Protein backbone atom coordinates (compact mmCIF):
# COMPACT_ATOMS: atom_id res chain seq x y z
CA MET A 1 111.54 -21.41 -143.76
CA THR A 2 111.49 -18.66 -141.16
CA ARG A 3 114.31 -20.00 -138.99
CA PRO A 4 117.90 -20.22 -140.23
CA LEU A 5 119.46 -23.51 -141.20
CA PHE A 6 122.37 -24.45 -138.95
CA PRO A 7 124.33 -22.18 -136.58
CA ARG A 8 125.64 -19.00 -138.17
CA PRO A 9 129.40 -18.45 -138.53
CA VAL A 10 130.92 -15.42 -136.82
CA ARG A 11 132.34 -13.98 -140.03
CA THR A 12 129.92 -12.20 -142.35
CA ALA A 13 129.34 -13.22 -145.94
CA ALA A 14 130.89 -9.94 -147.07
CA ALA A 15 134.07 -10.71 -145.16
CA LEU A 16 134.24 -14.19 -146.68
CA THR A 17 133.79 -12.75 -150.14
CA ALA A 18 136.60 -10.28 -149.57
CA SER A 19 138.95 -12.94 -148.20
CA GLY A 20 138.23 -15.42 -150.98
CA ALA A 21 137.43 -13.31 -154.04
CA LEU A 22 140.87 -13.73 -155.57
CA LEU A 23 140.63 -17.49 -155.20
CA LEU A 24 137.62 -17.90 -157.44
CA GLY A 25 139.05 -17.44 -160.91
CA GLY A 26 137.66 -20.00 -163.36
CA GLY A 27 138.49 -21.36 -166.77
CA ALA A 28 141.15 -23.68 -168.07
CA VAL A 29 144.77 -22.64 -167.68
CA ALA A 30 147.71 -24.52 -169.13
CA ALA A 31 149.35 -26.65 -166.45
CA ALA A 32 153.02 -27.17 -165.79
CA GLY A 33 155.39 -28.19 -163.02
CA PRO A 34 153.71 -28.69 -159.64
CA MET A 35 150.29 -28.47 -161.20
CA ASP A 36 151.07 -31.44 -163.44
CA ALA A 37 152.17 -33.30 -160.34
CA PHE A 38 148.97 -32.43 -158.54
CA THR A 39 146.91 -33.62 -161.50
CA GLY A 40 148.87 -36.83 -161.53
CA SER A 41 148.29 -37.43 -157.85
CA LEU A 42 144.55 -37.04 -158.36
CA ALA A 43 144.67 -39.52 -161.20
CA THR A 44 146.00 -42.18 -158.85
CA ALA A 45 142.66 -42.07 -157.08
CA SER A 46 140.64 -42.57 -160.28
CA SER A 47 139.62 -40.79 -163.42
CA ALA A 48 136.85 -38.99 -161.58
CA LEU A 49 137.93 -38.08 -158.05
CA GLY A 50 136.04 -41.21 -157.07
CA SER A 51 136.01 -45.01 -157.10
CA SER A 52 135.71 -45.87 -153.43
CA GLN A 53 133.29 -48.48 -152.14
CA PRO A 54 130.27 -46.76 -150.58
CA ALA A 55 127.91 -48.73 -148.41
CA GLU A 56 125.26 -50.83 -150.13
CA THR A 57 122.05 -48.85 -150.58
CA ALA A 58 118.49 -50.00 -150.95
CA THR A 59 117.49 -47.65 -153.76
CA THR A 60 120.53 -47.52 -156.01
CA GLY A 61 122.89 -50.28 -154.97
CA ARG A 62 126.66 -49.79 -154.93
CA PHE A 63 128.31 -47.62 -157.57
CA ALA A 64 132.00 -48.40 -157.24
CA SER A 65 133.04 -46.31 -160.25
CA VAL A 66 130.84 -43.28 -159.46
CA ASP A 67 131.27 -43.25 -155.72
CA ASN A 68 129.17 -40.20 -154.77
CA PHE A 69 126.04 -41.24 -156.68
CA ARG A 70 123.00 -41.35 -154.40
CA ASP A 71 119.31 -40.52 -154.06
CA VAL A 72 118.52 -36.97 -152.92
CA ALA A 73 115.73 -38.47 -150.81
CA GLY A 74 118.15 -40.79 -149.02
CA ASP A 75 119.56 -44.18 -149.94
CA GLY A 76 118.13 -47.08 -147.99
CA GLY A 77 114.99 -47.13 -145.90
CA ASP A 78 111.86 -45.39 -147.14
CA GLY A 79 113.18 -41.90 -147.81
CA TYR A 80 114.06 -39.12 -145.38
CA ALA A 81 111.39 -38.42 -142.77
CA LEU A 82 109.38 -35.22 -143.09
CA PRO A 83 106.99 -33.44 -140.70
CA GLY A 84 103.52 -34.91 -140.31
CA GLY A 85 104.64 -38.49 -140.83
CA LYS A 86 105.49 -37.96 -144.50
CA ARG A 87 108.68 -39.00 -146.27
CA MET A 88 110.74 -37.81 -149.20
CA GLN A 89 110.04 -39.57 -152.48
CA GLN A 90 112.90 -41.79 -153.62
CA GLY A 91 113.70 -42.54 -157.23
CA MET A 92 113.07 -39.04 -158.60
CA PHE A 93 116.22 -36.95 -158.17
CA TYR A 94 119.77 -38.28 -157.93
CA ARG A 95 123.00 -36.46 -157.06
CA SER A 96 126.40 -37.60 -158.25
CA ASN A 97 130.01 -36.89 -159.02
CA GLN A 98 130.88 -36.70 -162.72
CA LEU A 99 129.81 -39.64 -164.88
CA VAL A 100 133.31 -40.39 -166.14
CA GLY A 101 134.97 -43.80 -166.10
CA VAL A 102 131.67 -45.54 -165.41
CA SER A 103 132.05 -49.32 -165.31
CA ASP A 104 129.79 -51.54 -167.40
CA GLU A 105 128.20 -52.87 -164.21
CA ASP A 106 127.44 -49.40 -162.91
CA MET A 107 126.15 -48.21 -166.28
CA ALA A 108 123.69 -51.10 -166.28
CA LYS A 109 122.49 -49.96 -162.86
CA LEU A 110 122.19 -46.37 -164.06
CA ASN A 111 120.18 -47.51 -167.07
CA ALA A 112 117.82 -49.44 -164.79
CA LEU A 113 116.94 -46.26 -162.86
CA GLY A 114 115.14 -44.80 -165.88
CA ILE A 115 117.02 -41.48 -165.78
CA THR A 116 115.89 -39.25 -168.64
CA THR A 117 118.04 -36.14 -168.08
CA VAL A 118 121.60 -35.58 -166.89
CA TYR A 119 122.44 -32.05 -165.69
CA ASP A 120 126.19 -31.34 -165.78
CA LEU A 121 127.23 -28.36 -163.63
CA ARG A 122 130.93 -28.52 -164.59
CA THR A 123 132.65 -25.72 -166.49
CA ASP A 124 134.57 -26.23 -169.73
CA GLY A 125 137.72 -26.02 -167.62
CA ASP A 126 136.53 -28.81 -165.33
CA ILE A 127 135.78 -31.10 -168.26
CA ALA A 128 139.10 -30.32 -169.98
CA LEU A 129 141.27 -31.11 -166.95
CA PRO A 130 143.79 -33.82 -167.85
CA MET A 131 143.23 -37.20 -166.21
CA VAL A 132 140.50 -36.01 -163.84
CA GLY A 133 138.05 -34.48 -166.33
CA GLY A 134 136.30 -35.91 -169.36
CA ALA A 135 132.97 -36.06 -171.12
CA ASP A 136 129.99 -37.58 -169.33
CA GLU A 137 128.95 -41.14 -170.07
CA VAL A 138 125.19 -40.66 -170.21
CA PRO A 139 122.70 -43.41 -169.33
CA GLU A 140 120.87 -44.98 -172.24
CA GLY A 141 118.10 -42.75 -173.58
CA ALA A 142 118.92 -39.81 -171.30
CA GLY A 143 119.24 -36.23 -172.47
CA TYR A 144 122.30 -34.19 -171.53
CA VAL A 145 122.11 -30.57 -170.35
CA ARG A 146 125.14 -28.39 -169.59
CA LEU A 147 124.61 -25.76 -166.88
CA PRO A 148 128.19 -24.68 -166.00
CA ILE A 149 128.65 -23.06 -162.59
CA ASP A 150 132.10 -21.64 -161.86
CA SER A 151 133.56 -22.96 -158.62
CA GLY A 152 137.14 -21.83 -159.15
CA ASN A 153 140.28 -23.50 -160.47
CA LEU A 154 141.27 -25.79 -157.62
CA MET A 155 144.38 -27.26 -159.18
CA LEU A 156 145.85 -23.94 -160.26
CA ASP A 157 145.13 -22.31 -156.92
CA ILE A 158 146.76 -25.18 -155.00
CA ALA A 159 149.82 -25.76 -157.19
CA GLY A 160 150.28 -22.51 -159.09
CA ASN A 161 152.03 -22.45 -162.46
CA PRO A 162 155.65 -21.26 -162.41
CA ASP A 163 155.86 -21.16 -166.21
CA LEU A 164 153.07 -18.58 -166.24
CA GLY A 165 154.31 -16.78 -163.14
CA ILE A 166 151.27 -17.86 -161.12
CA GLU A 167 151.89 -18.47 -157.43
CA PRO A 168 149.73 -20.84 -155.36
CA LYS A 169 146.90 -19.05 -153.58
CA VAL A 170 146.03 -21.82 -151.12
CA THR A 171 149.11 -22.54 -149.03
CA THR A 172 147.66 -23.38 -145.60
CA PRO A 173 144.64 -25.34 -144.30
CA GLU A 174 143.04 -22.08 -143.17
CA GLU A 175 143.35 -20.61 -146.64
CA GLY A 176 141.83 -23.82 -147.97
CA ARG A 177 138.82 -23.45 -145.68
CA ASN A 178 138.47 -19.77 -146.64
CA TYR A 179 138.59 -20.80 -150.30
CA MET A 180 135.73 -23.25 -149.85
CA GLU A 181 133.62 -20.87 -147.78
CA ALA A 182 134.03 -18.14 -150.40
CA MET A 183 132.90 -20.61 -153.07
CA TYR A 184 129.58 -21.11 -151.27
CA VAL A 185 129.12 -17.36 -150.84
CA LYS A 186 129.52 -17.08 -154.60
CA PHE A 187 126.62 -19.52 -155.07
CA VAL A 188 124.48 -16.82 -153.46
CA GLU A 189 126.03 -13.55 -154.58
CA ASN A 190 127.09 -14.28 -158.16
CA ALA A 191 124.32 -13.59 -160.68
CA ASP A 192 125.52 -16.18 -163.20
CA SER A 193 125.60 -18.89 -160.53
CA ARG A 194 122.10 -17.98 -159.35
CA ALA A 195 120.80 -18.10 -162.92
CA GLN A 196 122.18 -21.59 -163.47
CA PHE A 197 120.83 -22.93 -160.18
CA GLY A 198 117.45 -21.44 -161.11
CA THR A 199 117.52 -23.08 -164.53
CA LEU A 200 118.46 -26.41 -162.96
CA LEU A 201 115.63 -26.38 -160.43
CA THR A 202 113.16 -25.30 -163.12
CA GLY A 203 114.28 -28.17 -165.33
CA LEU A 204 113.90 -30.65 -162.50
CA ALA A 205 110.36 -29.40 -161.95
CA GLU A 206 109.35 -29.64 -165.60
CA ASN A 207 110.31 -33.30 -166.08
CA ASP A 208 108.25 -36.02 -164.41
CA ASP A 209 110.88 -38.73 -164.87
CA PRO A 210 113.99 -39.54 -162.77
CA GLN A 211 116.84 -37.08 -163.27
CA VAL A 212 120.42 -36.68 -162.05
CA PHE A 213 122.55 -33.58 -161.49
CA HIS A 214 126.27 -33.51 -160.80
CA CYS A 215 129.47 -31.49 -160.77
CA THR A 216 133.01 -32.90 -160.59
CA SER A 217 133.14 -34.61 -157.19
CA GLY A 218 129.45 -34.16 -156.38
CA LYS A 219 130.01 -32.26 -153.16
CA ASP A 220 129.74 -28.45 -153.55
CA ARG A 221 127.60 -27.30 -156.49
CA THR A 222 125.76 -30.60 -156.22
CA GLY A 223 125.56 -30.46 -152.43
CA TRP A 224 124.12 -26.94 -152.53
CA THR A 225 121.44 -28.05 -155.00
CA ALA A 226 120.54 -31.09 -152.89
CA MET A 227 120.22 -28.84 -149.83
CA LEU A 228 117.76 -26.59 -151.68
CA LEU A 229 115.64 -29.55 -152.81
CA GLN A 230 115.56 -31.06 -149.33
CA HIS A 231 114.57 -27.68 -147.90
CA ILE A 232 111.72 -27.40 -150.42
CA ALA A 233 110.55 -30.88 -149.38
CA GLY A 234 110.49 -29.79 -145.73
CA ALA A 235 113.38 -31.88 -144.40
CA ASP A 236 114.74 -30.72 -141.05
CA ASP A 237 118.17 -29.21 -140.50
CA ALA A 238 119.71 -32.38 -139.07
CA THR A 239 118.64 -34.43 -142.09
CA ILE A 240 119.94 -31.88 -144.57
CA LEU A 241 123.28 -31.54 -142.81
CA LYS A 242 123.73 -35.30 -142.47
CA ASP A 243 123.08 -35.81 -146.17
CA TYR A 244 125.49 -33.01 -147.08
CA LEU A 245 128.28 -34.42 -144.91
CA ALA A 246 127.73 -37.96 -146.25
CA THR A 247 130.05 -37.10 -149.15
CA ASN A 248 132.96 -37.57 -146.75
CA ASP A 249 131.85 -41.18 -146.23
CA TYR A 250 130.87 -42.00 -149.82
CA SER A 251 134.13 -40.63 -151.24
CA ALA A 252 136.38 -41.53 -148.28
CA ALA A 253 138.54 -44.03 -150.15
CA SER A 254 139.21 -41.81 -153.14
CA ILE A 255 139.92 -38.80 -150.92
CA GLN A 256 142.42 -40.85 -148.94
CA LYS A 257 144.13 -42.12 -152.09
CA THR A 258 144.49 -38.57 -153.35
CA LEU A 259 145.93 -37.30 -150.07
CA ALA A 260 148.31 -40.24 -149.79
CA GLY A 261 149.88 -39.38 -153.13
CA LEU A 262 150.39 -35.67 -152.54
CA GLU A 263 153.57 -35.87 -150.49
CA ASN A 264 155.31 -37.56 -153.42
CA TYR A 265 154.82 -34.35 -155.37
CA GLY A 266 155.83 -31.89 -152.68
CA LEU A 267 152.27 -30.91 -151.80
CA ASP A 268 150.99 -30.80 -148.22
CA PRO A 269 148.00 -33.12 -147.64
CA ASP A 270 146.79 -31.00 -144.72
CA THR A 271 146.60 -27.96 -147.01
CA VAL A 272 144.75 -29.81 -149.76
CA ARG A 273 142.33 -31.75 -147.54
CA PRO A 274 139.84 -28.85 -147.01
CA LEU A 275 139.31 -28.68 -150.79
CA LEU A 276 138.57 -32.39 -151.15
CA VAL A 277 136.00 -32.76 -148.36
CA VAL A 278 132.82 -31.07 -147.21
CA ASP A 279 132.46 -29.29 -143.89
CA GLU A 280 129.55 -27.72 -142.05
CA SER A 281 131.34 -24.36 -142.13
CA TYR A 282 131.17 -24.32 -145.95
CA LEU A 283 127.42 -24.72 -145.98
CA ASP A 284 127.15 -22.24 -143.12
CA ALA A 285 129.02 -19.64 -145.17
CA GLY A 286 126.55 -19.95 -148.02
CA LEU A 287 123.58 -19.85 -145.68
CA ALA A 288 125.00 -16.77 -143.95
CA ALA A 289 125.13 -15.11 -147.37
CA VAL A 290 121.51 -16.14 -147.97
CA ASP A 291 120.49 -14.53 -144.67
CA GLU A 292 122.50 -11.40 -145.40
CA ASN A 293 121.24 -10.92 -148.96
CA TYR A 294 117.74 -12.42 -148.93
CA GLY A 295 116.66 -13.02 -145.34
CA SER A 296 115.63 -16.64 -145.92
CA ILE A 297 116.12 -19.58 -148.26
CA ASP A 298 112.56 -19.13 -149.49
CA ASN A 299 113.37 -15.58 -150.59
CA TYR A 300 116.61 -16.78 -152.17
CA LEU A 301 114.63 -19.32 -154.20
CA THR A 302 112.17 -16.74 -155.50
CA GLU A 303 114.12 -13.46 -155.58
CA GLY A 304 117.60 -14.89 -156.13
CA LEU A 305 116.96 -17.88 -158.38
CA GLY A 306 113.80 -16.53 -160.00
CA LEU A 307 111.56 -19.50 -159.19
CA ASP A 308 107.83 -18.86 -159.13
CA ASP A 309 105.43 -20.36 -156.63
CA ASP A 310 104.14 -22.95 -159.12
CA THR A 311 107.65 -24.26 -159.81
CA ILE A 312 108.39 -24.60 -156.10
CA ALA A 313 105.05 -26.31 -155.51
CA THR A 314 105.73 -28.73 -158.37
CA LEU A 315 109.14 -29.59 -156.93
CA ARG A 316 107.59 -30.13 -153.50
CA ASP A 317 104.97 -32.48 -154.99
CA LYS A 318 107.69 -34.50 -156.70
CA LEU A 319 109.86 -34.58 -153.57
CA VAL A 320 107.21 -35.71 -151.08
CA ALA A 321 105.92 -39.29 -151.18
């Protein structure tokens, strides 16, 4: 793609990295005090930062217990429109929040999709989080592949840990937005993150059967991957952005439940909200880093993620009906 996706933010990727670098520490840290309270407030929403009631969809149906599960090609209709009258191919790649606390009804629906591989982008720390983590519940017959991508320690950075002398690092909504923007810059500038995204896209290309990839809430690491796939397919900017922002609708109920419980634990919902939702500025920050470091998404795919032309062509063939 020769033109940039979406309007560019004023701040440079380098500035975002500098402002958010200290917020991106990963790994599991023992929780205590306010952090326990924050974990508890998330648990009131569900065991998986999910469990709202997304709209009925033509290709997957409703997944009440895995609320951000959806087709990368678009749920409902005939797949996202592409140039030349073509459409994206539904039923090949699915995006989701973590497959934890899956109801029997939803597992039956997952099994019916014929998914043969589950790619889990969560870190060990994500999986180990009390009440909001947990091992995946994999569809029948599907393989399970771990490709951990560090996206920071949200709970620790919001609540801190007085017992360990760790102060909160996100104390205002603006700091929350900076935190999220820096996360997306890291998707571009961190070599380990690039390697994992490259491995994921290569794996998706090598398997002809339906596959699903996910992180914790299915919005950032997962949203970035979905954006790359939709770009490879040839979807336009408006389609890609609409799909990215749809997380705020799919997960609206669980986000609201989480925010509603925060005040009971002395945490400010307005400060936490930027970390629970998606925003165009987050994607813009990552795309600005792509422009700054690689010049285009196509160069990022090849030079940054190490994909060869055959892999990209195979993905495009699978993505286009």
